Amino acid sequence: MRVRTANAIVAGVIAFLALAPLMVALVASLTPDARLFDAPSAAAVRLVGDHYRALFAERAFWVPIRNSLIVATATTILALALGAPCAYALARWRFRGRGAVLALVLAMSMFPQISVVPPLFLLLRAVGLIDTYPGLVLPYLTFAMPLAVWFLVTVFRQLPVEIEEAAMMDGASRFTTFRRIALPLAAPGLVTTGLLTFLYCWNEFLFALTFTLGPERHTVPVAIALFRGQYQVPWGEVLAAALVATTPIALLVLAAQRRLVSGLTSGGVKG
């Protein structure tokens, strides 16, 4: 009983520490600019939605949201479509140098972004992809797909190989076994990988700032960073934009919570 109570207290403290900044940001985003930096007072604070109205009426914040959704979704789909077969091959086929290939894949994802920005910019400009959706998706894949491959290799290794061998003894090809047996069994890991890839793309800033030229292609992080004016920062609108951008991600994580936990723990248990 004491252990359960202690666990409940610890969980409550962690939840409070996690939610307190969000609550402060929510109240601040509903506070008029004139009172935003006033000293805390016990008097009732008048809450308004001016910052949210300005966000969509004056700044057209739906445009960067649309851009982030398109780029993050396209990158996630491509990373899974290309990374899953590659990860399955690395998990099931034994060949000399497989460990080196996995190490190289991981090293690619850990390479500093700033070091590849100049050559990527020159390459994208040469093929006319600056300030386009493909001009963001392709650079995102250089970091998203290696992480997807590395994570999915672990997921496929945990699947019982006996089921696949039985299917191939019944006449199924390797591709059929991968498509109809391995992929359904690896669904929690695929969901987790897709969600982590989507989060990375949604929050990415450096590539989005470098490879876009105007507000028509800016993503959410870049749009929020450029809210800053010449003489002041509209903190109310910045906080409102941050909360609007966080809401779909929070809903996505909550919707996939069970599969997310299952996918994150699948790598530590032998199937």
Protein backbone atom coordinates (compact mmCIF):
# COMPACT_ATOMS: atom_id res chain seq x y z
CA MET A 1 0.00 0.00 0.00
CA ARG A 2 2.81 2.38 0.88
CA VAL A 3 4.60 1.56 -2.37
CA ARG A 4 1.42 2.24 -4.34
CA THR A 5 0.91 5.56 -2.57
CA ALA A 6 4.52 6.56 -3.16
CA ASN A 7 4.18 5.66 -6.85
CA ALA A 8 1.02 7.74 -7.10
CA ILE A 9 2.74 10.73 -5.50
CA VAL A 10 5.75 10.45 -7.80
CA ALA A 11 3.47 10.12 -10.84
CA GLY A 12 1.49 13.17 -9.71
CA VAL A 13 4.63 15.25 -9.27
CA ILE A 14 5.93 14.22 -12.71
CA ALA A 15 2.55 15.00 -14.30
CA PHE A 16 2.49 18.41 -12.61
CA LEU A 17 6.02 19.26 -13.78
CA ALA A 18 5.13 18.20 -17.31
CA LEU A 19 1.79 20.02 -17.49
CA ALA A 20 2.65 23.20 -15.56
CA PRO A 21 4.57 24.86 -18.45
CA LEU A 22 1.71 24.04 -20.82
CA MET A 23 -0.84 25.56 -18.46
CA VAL A 24 1.28 28.70 -18.05
CA ALA A 25 1.64 28.95 -21.82
CA LEU A 26 -2.13 28.48 -22.28
CA VAL A 27 -2.98 31.24 -19.80
CA ALA A 28 -0.35 33.54 -21.32
CA SER A 29 -1.69 32.92 -24.83
CA LEU A 30 -5.13 34.09 -23.63
CA THR A 31 -3.81 37.14 -21.75
CA PRO A 32 -3.90 40.59 -23.41
CA ASP A 33 -0.53 41.99 -24.41
CA ALA A 34 -0.90 44.89 -21.97
CA ARG A 35 -1.00 42.49 -19.01
CA LEU A 36 1.25 39.75 -20.29
CA PHE A 37 4.28 40.82 -18.24
CA ASP A 38 2.47 42.27 -15.26
CA ALA A 39 3.39 40.99 -11.81
CA PRO A 40 1.27 37.99 -10.73
CA SER A 41 -1.92 39.08 -9.02
CA ALA A 42 -4.67 37.33 -7.14
CA ALA A 43 -7.22 39.38 -9.05
CA ALA A 44 -9.09 37.66 -11.83
CA VAL A 45 -7.32 37.91 -15.17
CA ARG A 46 -9.41 38.74 -18.23
CA LEU A 47 -8.75 36.08 -20.85
CA VAL A 48 -9.22 36.87 -24.53
CA GLY A 49 -8.65 35.06 -27.82
CA ASP A 50 -6.98 37.97 -29.63
CA HIS A 51 -3.71 36.11 -30.13
CA TYR A 52 -5.44 33.13 -31.74
CA ARG A 53 -7.55 35.37 -33.98
CA ALA A 54 -4.45 37.27 -35.10
CA LEU A 55 -2.67 33.98 -35.70
CA PHE A 56 -5.07 32.88 -38.42
CA ALA A 57 -6.61 36.17 -39.59
CA GLU A 58 -3.40 38.20 -39.94
CA ARG A 59 -0.57 35.65 -40.16
CA ALA A 60 -2.40 32.85 -42.02
CA PHE A 61 -0.88 30.29 -39.69
CA TRP A 62 -2.80 27.51 -41.42
CA VAL A 63 -0.26 27.73 -44.28
CA PRO A 64 2.79 26.54 -42.25
CA ILE A 65 0.56 23.91 -40.59
CA ARG A 66 -0.39 22.64 -44.04
CA ASN A 67 3.24 22.67 -45.16
CA SER A 68 4.40 20.76 -42.07
CA LEU A 69 1.65 18.17 -42.50
CA ILE A 70 2.52 17.60 -46.16
CA VAL A 71 6.27 17.37 -45.63
CA ALA A 72 6.12 15.28 -42.44
CA THR A 73 3.53 12.86 -43.87
CA ALA A 74 5.37 12.40 -47.17
CA THR A 75 8.71 11.87 -45.41
CA THR A 76 7.20 9.35 -42.98
CA ILE A 77 5.54 7.34 -45.76
CA LEU A 78 8.72 7.24 -47.85
CA ALA A 79 10.91 6.40 -44.85
CA LEU A 80 8.70 3.44 -43.94
CA ALA A 81 8.19 2.28 -47.54
CA LEU A 82 11.92 2.32 -48.27
CA GLY A 83 13.25 1.54 -44.81
CA ALA A 84 11.09 -1.50 -43.99
CA PRO A 85 12.37 -3.74 -46.86
CA CYS A 86 15.93 -2.61 -46.18
CA ALA A 87 15.60 -3.34 -42.45
CA TYR A 88 14.01 -6.74 -43.14
CA ALA A 89 16.87 -7.70 -45.43
CA LEU A 90 19.45 -6.65 -42.86
CA ALA A 91 17.60 -8.55 -40.13
CA ARG A 92 17.10 -11.81 -42.03
CA TRP A 93 19.93 -12.14 -44.54
CA ARG A 94 23.35 -13.03 -43.20
CA PHE A 95 26.25 -11.70 -45.24
CA ARG A 96 29.76 -10.48 -44.59
CA GLY A 97 29.88 -6.84 -43.54
CA ARG A 98 26.30 -6.65 -42.26
CA GLY A 99 27.48 -5.10 -38.99
CA ALA A 100 29.46 -2.49 -40.90
CA VAL A 101 26.40 -1.62 -42.98
CA LEU A 102 24.32 -1.14 -39.82
CA ALA A 103 27.04 1.02 -38.28
CA LEU A 104 27.20 3.13 -41.45
CA VAL A 105 23.41 3.56 -41.43
CA LEU A 106 23.50 4.75 -37.82
CA ALA A 107 26.48 7.04 -38.50
CA MET A 108 24.56 8.74 -41.31
CA SER A 109 21.73 9.66 -38.93
CA MET A 110 24.19 11.06 -36.36
CA PHE A 111 26.06 13.27 -38.83
CA PRO A 112 25.76 16.98 -37.88
CA GLN A 113 23.05 18.64 -39.96
CA ILE A 114 24.91 21.93 -40.33
CA SER A 115 27.79 20.19 -42.08
CA VAL A 116 25.58 18.94 -44.94
CA VAL A 117 23.50 22.09 -45.42
CA PRO A 118 25.86 23.85 -47.94
CA PRO A 119 26.26 20.86 -50.33
CA LEU A 120 22.56 20.02 -50.07
CA PHE A 121 21.64 23.62 -50.83
CA LEU A 122 23.87 23.67 -53.93
CA LEU A 123 22.48 20.32 -55.09
CA LEU A 124 18.84 21.31 -54.58
CA ARG A 125 19.40 24.66 -56.29
CA ALA A 126 21.03 22.93 -59.26
CA VAL A 127 17.98 20.69 -59.79
CA GLY A 128 15.47 23.45 -59.05
CA LEU A 129 14.05 22.08 -55.81
CA ILE A 130 14.67 25.06 -53.53
CA ASP A 131 11.43 26.32 -51.97
CA THR A 132 9.48 23.18 -52.94
CA TYR A 133 8.00 20.28 -51.00
CA PRO A 134 10.38 17.70 -52.56
CA GLY A 135 13.22 20.06 -51.63
CA LEU A 136 12.33 19.46 -47.98
CA VAL A 137 11.28 15.81 -48.14
CA LEU A 138 14.52 14.60 -49.72
CA PRO A 139 16.83 16.27 -47.15
CA TYR A 140 14.59 15.03 -44.34
CA LEU A 141 14.98 11.48 -45.67
CA THR A 142 18.76 11.68 -45.30
CA PHE A 143 18.28 11.62 -41.53
CA ALA A 144 14.84 10.06 -41.10
CA MET A 145 15.39 6.88 -43.13
CA PRO A 146 18.61 5.74 -41.39
CA LEU A 147 16.85 6.02 -38.02
CA ALA A 148 13.86 4.13 -39.40
CA VAL A 149 16.10 1.36 -40.76
CA TRP A 150 18.04 1.04 -37.51
CA PHE A 151 14.91 0.84 -35.39
CA LEU A 152 13.08 -1.58 -37.73
CA VAL A 153 16.06 -3.94 -37.88
CA THR A 154 15.64 -4.46 -34.15
CA VAL A 155 11.89 -4.93 -34.57
CA PHE A 156 12.22 -7.56 -37.32
CA ARG A 157 14.89 -9.43 -35.36
CA GLN A 158 12.41 -9.98 -32.53
CA LEU A 159 9.85 -11.68 -34.79
CA PRO A 160 9.77 -15.50 -34.61
CA VAL A 161 11.56 -16.72 -37.72
CA GLU A 162 9.79 -20.11 -37.50
CA ILE A 163 6.54 -18.60 -38.80
CA GLU A 164 8.28 -17.21 -41.87
CA GLU A 165 10.11 -20.49 -42.50
CA ALA A 166 6.81 -22.38 -42.31
CA ALA A 167 5.25 -20.03 -44.83
CA MET A 168 8.16 -20.44 -47.25
CA MET A 169 7.96 -24.24 -46.90
CA ASP A 170 4.32 -23.93 -48.00
CA GLY A 171 5.45 -22.14 -51.17
CA ALA A 172 5.39 -18.48 -50.18
CA SER A 173 8.13 -16.33 -51.66
CA ARG A 174 10.38 -14.18 -49.50
CA PHE A 175 8.54 -11.03 -50.60
CA THR A 176 5.15 -12.61 -49.84
CA THR A 177 6.41 -13.66 -46.43
CA PHE A 178 7.64 -10.14 -45.78
CA ARG A 179 4.40 -8.52 -46.94
CA ARG A 180 1.83 -10.87 -45.45
CA ILE A 181 3.56 -12.11 -42.28
CA ALA A 182 6.47 -9.91 -41.19
CA LEU A 183 4.79 -6.54 -41.75
CA PRO A 184 1.57 -7.37 -39.84
CA LEU A 185 3.58 -8.80 -36.94
CA ALA A 186 5.81 -5.73 -36.90
CA ALA A 187 2.85 -3.31 -36.88
CA PRO A 188 3.60 -1.85 -33.39
CA GLY A 189 7.19 -1.17 -34.39
CA LEU A 190 6.09 0.36 -37.70
CA VAL A 191 3.67 2.67 -35.91
CA THR A 192 6.34 3.71 -33.43
CA THR A 193 8.90 4.31 -36.16
CA GLY A 194 6.40 6.28 -38.22
CA LEU A 195 5.41 8.39 -35.24
CA LEU A 196 9.02 9.18 -34.30
CA THR A 197 9.80 10.06 -37.92
CA PHE A 198 6.76 12.31 -38.10
CA LEU A 199 7.76 14.08 -34.88
CA TYR A 200 11.29 14.63 -36.17
CA CYS A 201 10.00 16.13 -39.42
CA TRP A 202 7.39 18.25 -37.64
CA ASN A 203 9.99 19.80 -35.32
CA GLU A 204 12.88 20.11 -37.81
CA PHE A 205 14.10 23.69 -38.16
CA LEU A 206 17.49 24.03 -39.89
CA PHE A 207 16.64 22.40 -43.23
CA ALA A 208 13.23 24.09 -43.35
CA LEU A 209 14.80 27.50 -42.75
CA THR A 210 17.59 27.00 -45.29
CA PHE A 211 15.71 25.39 -48.17
CA THR A 212 12.61 27.63 -48.18
CA LEU A 213 12.53 31.23 -49.35
CA GLY A 214 9.13 32.61 -48.41
CA PRO A 215 6.10 32.09 -46.17
CA GLU A 216 4.37 29.95 -48.81
CA ARG A 217 6.68 27.03 -47.97
CA HIS A 218 7.67 27.77 -44.36
CA THR A 219 6.96 25.00 -41.87
CA VAL A 220 5.62 25.55 -38.35
CA PRO A 221 8.99 25.95 -36.51
CA VAL A 222 10.28 28.43 -39.09
CA ALA A 223 7.04 30.42 -39.10
CA ILE A 224 7.07 30.72 -35.30
CA ALA A 225 10.75 31.75 -35.27
CA LEU A 226 10.02 34.52 -37.79
CA PHE A 227 7.22 36.02 -35.70
CA ARG A 228 9.85 38.25 -34.12
CA GLY A 229 9.41 41.89 -35.10
CA GLN A 230 12.02 44.64 -35.43
CA TYR A 231 11.47 46.04 -31.95
CA GLN A 232 9.57 43.40 -30.00
CA VAL A 233 8.56 39.77 -29.86
CA PRO A 234 4.80 39.06 -29.91
CA TRP A 235 5.00 36.51 -27.13
CA GLY A 236 1.25 36.04 -26.95
CA GLU A 237 1.07 34.97 -30.59
CA VAL A 238 4.23 32.88 -30.26
CA LEU A 239 2.72 30.94 -27.33
CA ALA A 240 -0.61 30.58 -29.13
CA ALA A 241 1.17 29.25 -32.23
CA ALA A 242 3.22 26.83 -30.13
CA LEU A 243 0.08 25.43 -28.51
CA VAL A 244 -1.72 25.14 -31.85
CA ALA A 245 1.28 23.31 -33.31
CA THR A 246 1.55 21.00 -30.29
CA THR A 247 -2.12 19.99 -30.25
CA PRO A 248 -2.17 17.66 -33.32
CA ILE A 249 1.07 16.00 -32.17
CA ALA A 250 -0.34 15.42 -28.68
CA LEU A 251 -3.54 13.96 -30.14
CA LEU A 252 -1.53 11.72 -32.44
CA VAL A 253 0.59 10.40 -29.58
CA LEU A 254 -2.49 9.77 -27.43
CA ALA A 255 -4.23 7.94 -30.27
CA ALA A 256 -1.21 5.70 -30.86
CA GLN A 257 -0.20 5.41 -27.20
CA ARG A 258 -0.74 1.66 -26.86
CA ARG A 259 1.08 0.78 -30.05
CA LEU A 260 3.80 3.30 -29.23
CA VAL A 261 4.57 1.64 -25.88
CA SER A 262 4.42 -1.81 -27.47
CA GLY A 263 6.80 -0.75 -30.24
CA LEU A 264 9.29 0.88 -27.90
CA THR A 265 9.44 -2.19 -25.65
CA SER A 266 9.46 -4.79 -28.43
CA GLY A 267 13.18 -4.37 -28.97
CA GLY A 268 13.99 -5.45 -25.45
CA VAL A 269 12.06 -8.73 -25.39
CA LYS A 270 12.91 -11.72 -27.51
CA GLY A 271 9.85 -12.87 -29.46
